[in-house]
Amino acid sequence: MKYLMIITAEDERYMRGEVQLDFFSSHPWEGLFVDVVKGNTFEELYGDGNYEGLFYQLYETDTGHRIGCGIFDPDAPKEEIREWETKV
């Protein structure tokens, strides 16, 4: 697989009002682990959209380079993969 994505969700700090969702968008590794998704294309990573609205970290598996992170939606990771593939 070319790409690996770690999916996380907000933790109890959000429920207590200590942080906002944008905190987890900028720091997804601070959230609660949900899943690891692997694929060769964005479409494989996106699957049926179950994780849309959660947070992600996207890695290229050959080098381990983190390509991007943020809120998982149908646009941001797709664009990050497109940009990464034009660089390599």
PDB file of N, CA and C in Angstrom:
ATOM      1  N   MET A   1       0.821  -1.183   0.000  1.00  0.00           N
ATOM      2  CA  MET A   1       0.000   0.000   0.000  1.00  0.00           C
ATOM      3  C   MET A   1       0.871   1.254   0.000  1.00  0.00           C
ATOM      4  N   LYS A   2       0.456   2.249  -0.745  1.00  0.00           N
ATOM      5  CA  LYS A   2       1.231   3.485  -0.857  1.00  0.00           C
ATOM      6  C   LYS A   2       0.989   4.445   0.300  1.00  0.00           C
ATOM      7  N   TYR A   3      -0.213   4.421   0.861  1.00  0.00           N
ATOM      8  CA  TYR A   3      -0.574   5.406   1.880  1.00  0.00           C
ATOM      9  C   TYR A   3      -1.185   4.742   3.108  1.00  0.00           C
ATOM     10  N   LEU A   4      -0.942   5.378   4.229  1.00  0.00           N
ATOM     11  CA  LEU A   4      -1.506   4.940   5.501  1.00  0.00           C
ATOM     12  C   LEU A   4      -2.085   6.175   6.186  1.00  0.00           C
ATOM     13  N   MET A   5      -3.284   6.028   6.700  1.00  0.00           N
ATOM     14  CA  MET A   5      -3.934   7.141   7.357  1.00  0.00           C
ATOM     15  C   MET A   5      -4.377   6.705   8.753  1.00  0.00           C
ATOM     16  N   ILE A   6      -3.974   7.477   9.745  1.00  0.00           N
ATOM     17  CA  ILE A   6      -4.393   7.243  11.123  1.00  0.00           C
ATOM     18  C   ILE A   6      -5.588   8.152  11.393  1.00  0.00           C
ATOM     19  N   ILE A   7      -6.689   7.553  11.826  1.00  0.00           N
ATOM     20  CA  ILE A   7      -7.921   8.291  12.097  1.00  0.00           C
ATOM     21  C   ILE A   7      -8.075   8.445  13.604  1.00  0.00           C
ATOM     22  N   THR A   8      -8.378   9.676  14.042  1.00  0.00           N
ATOM     23  CA  THR A   8      -8.604   9.947  15.455  1.00  0.00           C
ATOM     24  C   THR A   8      -9.888  10.764  15.627  1.00  0.00           C
ATOM     25  N   ALA A   9     -10.342  10.844  16.879  1.00  0.00           N
ATOM     26  CA  ALA A   9     -11.535  11.633  17.223  1.00  0.00           C
ATOM     27  C   ALA A   9     -11.206  12.507  18.424  1.00  0.00           C
ATOM     28  N   GLU A  10     -12.053  13.482  18.671  1.00  0.00           N
ATOM     29  CA  GLU A  10     -11.850  14.352  19.824  1.00  0.00           C
ATOM     30  C   GLU A  10     -11.940  13.532  21.115  1.00  0.00           C
ATOM     31  N   ASP A  11     -11.281  14.025  22.160  1.00  0.00           N
ATOM     32  CA  ASP A  11     -11.323  13.337  23.453  1.00  0.00           C
ATOM     33  C   ASP A  11     -12.148  14.142  24.455  1.00  0.00           C
ATOM     34  N   GLU A  12     -12.086  13.740  25.704  1.00  0.00           N
ATOM     35  CA  GLU A  12     -12.905  14.349  26.749  1.00  0.00           C
ATOM     36  C   GLU A  12     -12.614  15.839  26.962  1.00  0.00           C
ATOM     37  N   ARG A  13     -11.449  16.322  26.546  1.00  0.00           N
ATOM     38  CA  ARG A  13     -11.147  17.748  26.680  1.00  0.00           C
ATOM     39  C   ARG A  13     -12.128  18.599  25.882  1.00  0.00           C
ATOM     40  N   TYR A  14     -12.567  18.090  24.738  1.00  0.00           N
ATOM     41  CA  TYR A  14     -13.556  18.813  23.940  1.00  0.00           C
ATOM     42  C   TYR A  14     -14.893  18.864  24.673  1.00  0.00           C
ATOM     43  N   MET A  15     -15.305  17.744  25.237  1.00  0.00           N
ATOM     44  CA  MET A  15     -16.581  17.684  25.952  1.00  0.00           C
ATOM     45  C   MET A  15     -16.588  18.598  27.177  1.00  0.00           C
ATOM     46  N   ARG A  16     -15.441  18.773  27.798  1.00  0.00           N
ATOM     47  CA  ARG A  16     -15.323  19.652  28.970  1.00  0.00           C
ATOM     48  C   ARG A  16     -15.134  21.117  28.568  1.00  0.00           C
ATOM     49  N   GLY A  17     -15.005  21.389  27.284  1.00  0.00           N
ATOM     50  CA  GLY A  17     -14.840  22.756  26.803  1.00  0.00           C
ATOM     51  C   GLY A  17     -13.427  23.293  26.937  1.00  0.00           C
ATOM     52  N   GLU A  18     -12.452  22.411  27.163  1.00  0.00           N
ATOM     53  CA  GLU A  18     -11.063  22.840  27.324  1.00  0.00           C
ATOM     54  C   GLU A  18     -10.391  23.167  25.999  1.00  0.00           C
ATOM     55  N   VAL A  19     -10.809  22.499  24.938  1.00  0.00           N
ATOM     56  CA  VAL A  19     -10.272  22.748  23.596  1.00  0.00           C
ATOM     57  C   VAL A  19     -11.424  22.719  22.596  1.00  0.00           C
ATOM     58  N   GLN A  20     -11.196  23.350  21.440  1.00  0.00           N
ATOM     59  CA  GLN A  20     -12.171  23.343  20.353  1.00  0.00           C
ATOM     60  C   GLN A  20     -11.775  22.285  19.327  1.00  0.00           C
ATOM     61  N   LEU A  21     -12.665  22.009  18.394  1.00  0.00           N
ATOM     62  CA  LEU A  21     -12.371  21.000  17.383  1.00  0.00           C
ATOM     63  C   LEU A  21     -11.176  21.376  16.523  1.00  0.00           C
ATOM     64  N   ASP A  22     -10.933  22.664  16.309  1.00  0.00           N
ATOM     65  CA  ASP A  22      -9.786  23.055  15.501  1.00  0.00           C
ATOM     66  C   ASP A  22      -8.469  22.634  16.143  1.00  0.00           C
ATOM     67  N   PHE A  23      -8.455  22.440  17.460  1.00  0.00           N
ATOM     68  CA  PHE A  23      -7.263  21.918  18.132  1.00  0.00           C
ATOM     69  C   PHE A  23      -6.932  20.532  17.593  1.00  0.00           C
ATOM     70  N   PHE A  24      -7.932  19.670  17.473  1.00  0.00           N
ATOM     71  CA  PHE A  24      -7.701  18.311  16.984  1.00  0.00           C
ATOM     72  C   PHE A  24      -7.425  18.288  15.484  1.00  0.00           C
ATOM     73  N   SER A  25      -7.937  19.274  14.773  1.00  0.00           N
ATOM     74  CA  SER A  25      -7.621  19.388  13.355  1.00  0.00           C
ATOM     75  C   SER A  25      -6.138  19.687  13.166  1.00  0.00           C
ATOM     76  N   SER A  26      -5.598  20.554  14.006  1.00  0.00           N
ATOM     77  CA  SER A  26      -4.180  20.917  13.929  1.00  0.00           C
ATOM     78  C   SER A  26      -3.268  19.927  14.629  1.00  0.00           C
ATOM     79  N   HIS A  27      -3.802  19.161  15.560  1.00  0.00           N
ATOM     80  CA  HIS A  27      -3.023  18.202  16.364  1.00  0.00           C
ATOM     81  C   HIS A  27      -3.775  16.869  16.454  1.00  0.00           C
ATOM     82  N   PRO A  28      -4.008  16.183  15.333  1.00  0.00           N
ATOM     83  CA  PRO A  28      -4.823  14.968  15.381  1.00  0.00           C
ATOM     84  C   PRO A  28      -4.229  13.862  16.253  1.00  0.00           C
ATOM     85  N   TRP A  29      -2.924  13.883  16.465  1.00  0.00           N
ATOM     86  CA  TRP A  29      -2.272  12.880  17.311  1.00  0.00           C
ATOM     87  C   TRP A  29      -2.675  13.043  18.776  1.00  0.00           C
ATOM     88  N   GLU A  30      -3.305  14.160  19.120  1.00  0.00           N
ATOM     89  CA  GLU A  30      -3.779  14.403  20.488  1.00  0.00           C
ATOM     90  C   GLU A  30      -5.125  13.735  20.745  1.00  0.00           C
ATOM     91  N   GLY A  31      -5.812  13.309  19.693  1.00  0.00           N
ATOM     92  CA  GLY A  31      -7.143  12.734  19.842  1.00  0.00           C
ATOM     93  C   GLY A  31      -7.116  11.257  20.174  1.00  0.00           C
ATOM     94  N   LEU A  32      -8.302  10.686  20.252  1.00  0.00           N
ATOM     95  CA  LEU A  32      -8.467   9.269  20.532  1.00  0.00           C
ATOM     96  C   LEU A  32      -8.314   8.452  19.251  1.00  0.00           C
ATOM     97  N   PHE A  33      -7.541   7.393  19.324  1.00  0.00           N
ATOM     98  CA  PHE A  33      -7.335   6.515  18.169  1.00  0.00           C
ATOM     99  C   PHE A  33      -8.660   5.868  17.769  1.00  0.00           C
ATOM    100  N   VAL A  34      -8.939   5.885  16.452  1.00  0.00           N
ATOM    101  CA  VAL A  34     -10.140   5.260  15.919  1.00  0.00           C
ATOM    102  C   VAL A  34      -9.780   4.094  15.003  1.00  0.00           C
ATOM    103  N   ASP A  35      -8.870   4.321  14.041  1.00  0.00           N
ATOM    104  CA  ASP A  35      -8.580   3.283  13.053  1.00  0.00           C
ATOM    105  C   ASP A  35      -7.331   3.643  12.259  1.00  0.00           C
ATOM    106  N   VAL A  36      -6.822   2.659  11.549  1.00  0.00           N
ATOM    107  CA  VAL A  36      -5.766   2.845  10.552  1.00  0.00           C
ATOM    108  C   VAL A  36      -6.344   2.373   9.230  1.00  0.00           C
ATOM    109  N   VAL A  37      -6.220   3.209   8.206  1.00  0.00           N
ATOM    110  CA  VAL A  37      -6.740   2.897   6.878  1.00  0.00           C
ATOM    111  C   VAL A  37      -5.565   2.903   5.915  1.00  0.00           C
ATOM    112  N   LYS A  38      -5.508   1.891   5.050  1.00  0.00           N
ATOM    113  CA  LYS A  38      -4.426   1.789   4.061  1.00  0.00           C
ATOM    114  C   LYS A  38      -5.018   1.761   2.665  1.00  0.00           C
ATOM    115  N   GLY A  39      -4.262   2.322   1.705  1.00  0.00           N
ATOM    116  CA  GLY A  39      -4.726   2.297   0.321  1.00  0.00           C
ATOM    117  C   GLY A  39      -3.689   2.851  -0.621  1.00  0.00           C
ATOM    118  N   ASN A  40      -3.919   2.626  -1.906  1.00  0.00           N
ATOM    119  CA  ASN A  40      -3.032   3.126  -2.952  1.00  0.00           C
ATOM    120  C   ASN A  40      -3.529   4.428  -3.563  1.00  0.00           C
ATOM    121  N   THR A  41      -4.786   4.759  -3.320  1.00  0.00           N
ATOM    122  CA  THR A  41      -5.381   5.982  -3.860  1.00  0.00           C
ATOM    123  C   THR A  41      -6.242   6.626  -2.774  1.00  0.00           C
ATOM    124  N   PHE A  42      -6.605   7.878  -3.000  1.00  0.00           N
ATOM    125  CA  PHE A  42      -7.496   8.536  -2.056  1.00  0.00           C
ATOM    126  C   PHE A  42      -8.833   7.808  -1.984  1.00  0.00           C
ATOM    127  N   GLU A  43      -9.325   7.347  -3.122  1.00  0.00           N
ATOM    128  CA  GLU A  43     -10.609   6.663  -3.148  1.00  0.00           C
ATOM    129  C   GLU A  43     -10.590   5.430  -2.251  1.00  0.00           C
ATOM    130  N   GLU A  44      -9.478   4.700  -2.239  1.00  0.00           N
ATOM    131  CA  GLU A  44      -9.365   3.539  -1.351  1.00  0.00           C
ATOM    132  C   GLU A  44      -9.330   3.978   0.106  1.00  0.00           C
ATOM    133  N   LEU A  45      -8.645   5.080   0.394  1.00  0.00           N
ATOM    134  CA  LEU A  45      -8.582   5.579   1.767  1.00  0.00           C
ATOM    135  C   LEU A  45      -9.940   6.100   2.230  1.00  0.00           C
ATOM    136  N   TYR A  46     -10.632   6.785   1.341  1.00  0.00           N
ATOM    137  CA  TYR A  46     -11.912   7.397   1.691  1.00  0.00           C
ATOM    138  C   TYR A  46     -12.986   6.344   1.934  1.00  0.00           C
ATOM    139  N   GLY A  47     -12.920   5.252   1.174  1.00  0.00           N
ATOM    140  CA  GLY A  47     -13.888   4.168   1.343  1.00  0.00           C
ATOM    141  C   GLY A  47     -15.318   4.653   1.200  1.00  0.00           C
ATOM    142  N   ASP A  48     -16.142   4.320   2.173  1.00  0.00           N
ATOM    143  CA  ASP A  48     -17.550   4.714   2.122  1.00  0.00           C
ATOM    144  C   ASP A  48     -17.829   5.994   2.904  1.00  0.00           C
ATOM    145  N   GLY A  49     -16.773   6.692   3.306  1.00  0.00           N
ATOM    146  CA  GLY A  49     -16.937   7.981   3.976  1.00  0.00           C
ATOM    147  C   GLY A  49     -17.280   7.902   5.450  1.00  0.00           C
ATOM    148  N   ASN A  50     -17.131   6.714   6.048  1.00  0.00           N
ATOM    149  CA  ASN A  50     -17.477   6.544   7.464  1.00  0.00           C
ATOM    150  C   ASN A  50     -16.708   7.476   8.395  1.00  0.00           C
ATOM    151  N   TYR A  51     -15.503   7.856   8.022  1.00  0.00           N
ATOM    152  CA  TYR A  51     -14.665   8.659   8.912  1.00  0.00           C
ATOM    153  C   TYR A  51     -14.706  10.150   8.596  1.00  0.00           C
ATOM    154  N   GLU A  52     -15.551  10.543   7.666  1.00  0.00           N
ATOM    155  CA  GLU A  52     -15.645  11.957   7.313  1.00  0.00           C
ATOM    156  C   GLU A  52     -16.014  12.776   8.553  1.00  0.00           C
ATOM    157  N   GLY A  53     -15.301  13.880   8.760  1.00  0.00           N
ATOM    158  CA  GLY A  53     -15.532  14.729   9.917  1.00  0.00           C
ATOM    159  C   GLY A  53     -14.632  14.419  11.098  1.00  0.00           C
ATOM    160  N   LEU A  54     -13.951  13.264  11.051  1.00  0.00           N
ATOM    161  CA  LEU A  54     -12.967  12.942  12.085  1.00  0.00           C
ATOM    162  C   LEU A  54     -11.627  13.548  11.670  1.00  0.00           C
ATOM    163  N   PHE A  55     -10.574  13.194  12.344  1.00  0.00           N
ATOM    164  CA  PHE A  55      -9.257  13.789  12.097  1.00  0.00           C
ATOM    165  C   PHE A  55      -8.309  12.725  11.563  1.00  0.00           C
ATOM    166  N   TYR A  56      -7.331  13.158  10.791  1.00  0.00           N
ATOM    167  CA  TYR A  56      -6.432  12.191  10.151  1.00  0.00           C
ATOM    168  C   TYR A  56      -4.999  12.689  10.143  1.00  0.00           C
ATOM    169  N   GLN A  57      -4.103  11.713  10.019  1.00  0.00           N
ATOM    170  CA  GLN A  57      -2.702  11.948   9.671  1.00  0.00           C
ATOM    171  C   GLN A  57      -2.434  11.030   8.493  1.00  0.00           C
ATOM    172  N   LEU A  58      -1.923  11.581   7.409  1.00  0.00           N
ATOM    173  CA  LEU A  58      -1.699  10.825   6.177  1.00  0.00           C
ATOM    174  C   LEU A  58      -0.208  10.649   5.951  1.00  0.00           C
ATOM    175  N   TYR A  59       0.217   9.405   5.771  1.00  0.00           N
ATOM    176  CA  TYR A  59       1.627   9.073   5.569  1.00  0.00           C
ATOM    177  C   TYR A  59       1.818   8.340   4.256  1.00  0.00           C
ATOM    178  N   GLU A  60       2.966   8.574   3.631  1.00  0.00           N
ATOM    179  CA  GLU A  60       3.415   7.805   2.477  1.00  0.00           C
ATOM    180  C   GLU A  60       4.232   6.665   3.063  1.00  0.00           C
ATOM    181  N   THR A  61       3.901   5.430   2.722  1.00  0.00           N
ATOM    182  CA  THR A  61       4.472   4.284   3.436  1.00  0.00           C
ATOM    183  C   THR A  61       5.912   3.952   3.065  1.00  0.00           C
ATOM    184  N   ASP A  62       6.368   4.265   1.865  1.00  0.00           N
ATOM    185  CA  ASP A  62       7.746   3.925   1.497  1.00  0.00           C
ATOM    186  C   ASP A  62       8.770   4.702   2.319  1.00  0.00           C
ATOM    187  N   THR A  63       8.510   5.982   2.541  1.00  0.00           N
ATOM    188  CA  THR A  63       9.471   6.826   3.259  1.00  0.00           C
ATOM    189  C   THR A  63       9.053   7.125   4.692  1.00  0.00           C
ATOM    190  N   GLY A  64       7.766   6.929   4.998  1.00  0.00           N
ATOM    191  CA  GLY A  64       7.254   7.290   6.308  1.00  0.00           C
ATOM    192  C   GLY A  64       6.973   8.776   6.439  1.00  0.00           C
ATOM    193  N   HIS A  65       7.075   9.509   5.342  1.00  0.00           N
ATOM    194  CA  HIS A  65       6.860  10.955   5.353  1.00  0.00           C
ATOM    195  C   HIS A  65       5.379  11.258   5.605  1.00  0.00           C
ATOM    196  N   ARG A  66       5.117  12.156   6.558  1.00  0.00           N
ATOM    197  CA  ARG A  66       3.738  12.588   6.766  1.00  0.00           C
ATOM    198  C   ARG A  66       3.401  13.614   5.696  1.00  0.00           C
ATOM    199  N   ILE A  67       2.382  13.316   4.926  1.00  0.00           N
ATOM    200  CA  ILE A  67       1.966  14.174   3.820  1.00  0.00           C
ATOM    201  C   ILE A  67       1.042  15.277   4.315  1.00  0.00           C
ATOM    202  N   GLY A  68       0.215  14.975   5.275  1.00  0.00           N
ATOM    203  CA  GLY A  68      -0.716  15.975   5.756  1.00  0.00           C
ATOM    204  C   GLY A  68      -1.520  15.488   6.934  1.00  0.00           C
ATOM    205  N   CYS A  69      -2.300  16.410   7.480  1.00  0.00           N
ATOM    206  CA  CYS A  69      -3.186  16.071   8.591  1.00  0.00           C
ATOM    207  C   CYS A  69      -4.290  17.118   8.655  1.00  0.00           C
ATOM    208  N   GLY A  70      -5.359  16.794   9.340  1.00  0.00           N
ATOM    209  CA  GLY A  70      -6.467  17.735   9.480  1.00  0.00           C
ATOM    210  C   GLY A  70      -7.778  17.031   9.675  1.00  0.00           C
ATOM    211  N   ILE A  71      -8.843  17.675   9.209  1.00  0.00           N
ATOM    212  CA  ILE A  71     -10.180  17.081   9.260  1.00  0.00           C
ATOM    213  C   ILE A  71     -10.368  16.236   8.011  1.00  0.00           C
ATOM    214  N   PHE A  72     -10.813  15.018   8.203  1.00  0.00           N
ATOM    215  CA  PHE A  72     -10.997  14.101   7.082  1.00  0.00           C
ATOM    216  C   PHE A  72     -12.269  14.468   6.322  1.00  0.00           C
ATOM    217  N   ASP A  73     -12.068  14.928   5.095  1.00  0.00           N
ATOM    218  CA  ASP A  73     -13.163  15.275   4.206  1.00  0.00           C
ATOM    219  C   ASP A  73     -12.799  14.819   2.806  1.00  0.00           C
ATOM    220  N   PRO A  74     -13.685  14.949   1.842  1.00  0.00           N
ATOM    221  CA  PRO A  74     -13.363  14.455   0.509  1.00  0.00           C
ATOM    222  C   PRO A  74     -12.416  15.334  -0.293  1.00  0.00           C
ATOM    223  N   ASP A  75     -11.907  16.421   0.282  1.00  0.00           N
ATOM    224  CA  ASP A  75     -11.057  17.321  -0.491  1.00  0.00           C
ATOM    225  C   ASP A  75      -9.610  17.380  -0.017  1.00  0.00           C
ATOM    226  N   ALA A  76      -9.373  17.662   1.250  1.00  0.00           N
ATOM    227  CA  ALA A  76      -8.015  17.924   1.732  1.00  0.00           C
ATOM    228  C   ALA A  76      -7.046  16.763   1.501  1.00  0.00           C
ATOM    229  N   PRO A  77      -7.330  15.548   1.960  1.00  0.00           N
ATOM    230  CA  PRO A  77      -6.367  14.466   1.721  1.00  0.00           C
ATOM    231  C   PRO A  77      -6.174  14.167   0.236  1.00  0.00           C
ATOM    232  N   LYS A  78      -7.224  14.326  -0.533  1.00  0.00           N
ATOM    233  CA  LYS A  78      -7.123  14.087  -1.981  1.00  0.00           C
ATOM    234  C   LYS A  78      -6.127  15.061  -2.603  1.00  0.00           C
ATOM    235  N   GLU A  79      -6.214  16.334  -2.219  1.00  0.00           N
ATOM    236  CA  GLU A  79      -5.302  17.352  -2.730  1.00  0.00           C
ATOM    237  C   GLU A  79      -3.874  17.100  -2.242  1.00  0.00           C
ATOM    238  N   GLU A  80      -3.718  16.677  -0.987  1.00  0.00           N
ATOM    239  CA  GLU A  80      -2.382  16.390  -0.455  1.00  0.00           C
ATOM    240  C   GLU A  80      -1.717  15.245  -1.207  1.00  0.00           C
ATOM    241  N   ILE A  81      -2.476  14.226  -1.534  1.00  0.00           N
ATOM    242  CA  ILE A  81      -1.937  13.101  -2.312  1.00  0.00           C
ATOM    243  C   ILE A  81      -1.555  13.574  -3.711  1.00  0.00           C
ATOM    244  N   ARG A  82      -2.414  14.372  -4.336  1.00  0.00           N
ATOM    245  CA  ARG A  82      -2.116  14.884  -5.681  1.00  0.00           C
ATOM    246  C   ARG A  82      -0.821  15.692  -5.671  1.00  0.00           C
ATOM    247  N   GLU A  83      -0.672  16.579  -4.691  1.00  0.00           N
ATOM    248  CA  GLU A  83       0.554  17.384  -4.596  1.00  0.00           C
ATOM    249  C   GLU A  83       1.771  16.506  -4.337  1.00  0.00           C
ATOM    250  N   TRP A  84       1.636  15.524  -3.460  1.00  0.00           N
ATOM    251  CA  TRP A  84       2.757  14.638  -3.148  1.00  0.00           C
ATOM    252  C   TRP A  84       3.196  13.874  -4.388  1.00  0.00           C
ATOM    253  N   GLU A  85       2.242  13.358  -5.149  1.00  0.00           N
ATOM    254  CA  GLU A  85       2.573  12.562  -6.331  1.00  0.00           C
ATOM    255  C   GLU A  85       3.204  13.404  -7.431  1.00  0.00           C
ATOM    256  N   THR A  86       2.956  14.704  -7.462  1.00  0.00           N
ATOM    257  CA  THR A  86       3.621  15.538  -8.466  1.00  0.00           C
ATOM    258  C   THR A  86       5.073  15.849  -8.057  1.00  0.00           C
ATOM    259  N   LYS A  87       5.385  15.724  -6.766  1.00  0.00           N
ATOM    260  CA  LYS A  87       6.744  15.993  -6.275  1.00  0.00           C
ATOM    261  C   LYS A  87       7.679  14.807  -6.460  1.00  0.00           C
ATOM    262  N   VAL A  88       7.136  13.589  -6.373  1.00  0.00           N
ATOM    263  CA  VAL A  88       7.992  12.398  -6.429  1.00  0.00           C
ATOM    264  C   VAL A  88       8.040  11.794  -7.801  1.00  0.00           C
TER     265      VAL A  88
END
